[in-house]
Amino acid sequence: MSDLINSLIEKGWLKTPRIIKAFQKISRNDFIPEGMKHFSEFDEPMPIGWDQTISQPLVVAFMLEQLKPMLGDKILDIGSGSGWTTALLAEIVGPKGKVIALEIIPELKEFGEKNAAKYNGITEFICADGSKGYNKEAPFDKILVSAAVQTKQIPVAWQEQLKTGGKIVAPIGSSIWLFEKTETEIKKTEHTGFAFVPLVEK
């Protein structure tokens, strides 16, 4: 196990065995541009071009622990970028699950798709505006968003495309929010003190 993963476990960011196994199998190094791979074990975000980043491992670990992806889940991954979170999710949900990755920047969609193809897992990469979700494959068990919404509310489309009992983990400004959909309401929990690139919309 790498020093980085050990550190994330020791500090309590990584807790769930299935998420830890995904971190062990899906090497972050495979999702970083050439010339920067020697930084892959650093616990910090790194540029991947087009003013976008591959997220800090600590942040990805925290978001996945909040999302609680399960075997067989169908998950929408918005702002998939390098494809790292997509591949992690695909590993966690297993062969009976599916991950739909949305990326608005065509070159990054291709970069992420190529990177994730190094691993098994049922994934589909689509070049689209993530703020609209992806109604064609809805409803989703979970939705993960890796870029910050610039308004005070998440898009209504995400809430509508989520199953009852499902979860959305999304950054709004400098906070990570957990949204849990019940029969009657959307329960919200805020975790402050994070930083993200903004969600790009058309």
Foldseek 3Di string as FASTA:
>chain_A
DDPLLVVCVVVPLADDPLLSVLPVPQQQLLLADPPCSVCSSPQQWDDRDPPFTDHGPSVLSNLCVLQVQAAQFEEEEEQCFSQRSVLSNQSHNDPNYEYEYEHQDVVRLVNNVVSSVVDDGHYHGDRAQPLQPDQVPFQGQEYEYQAEEADPDRRVNVVVRYDQQHWYWHHHAQWIKIWHHHPPDTDIDIDGDHDGHHRDGD
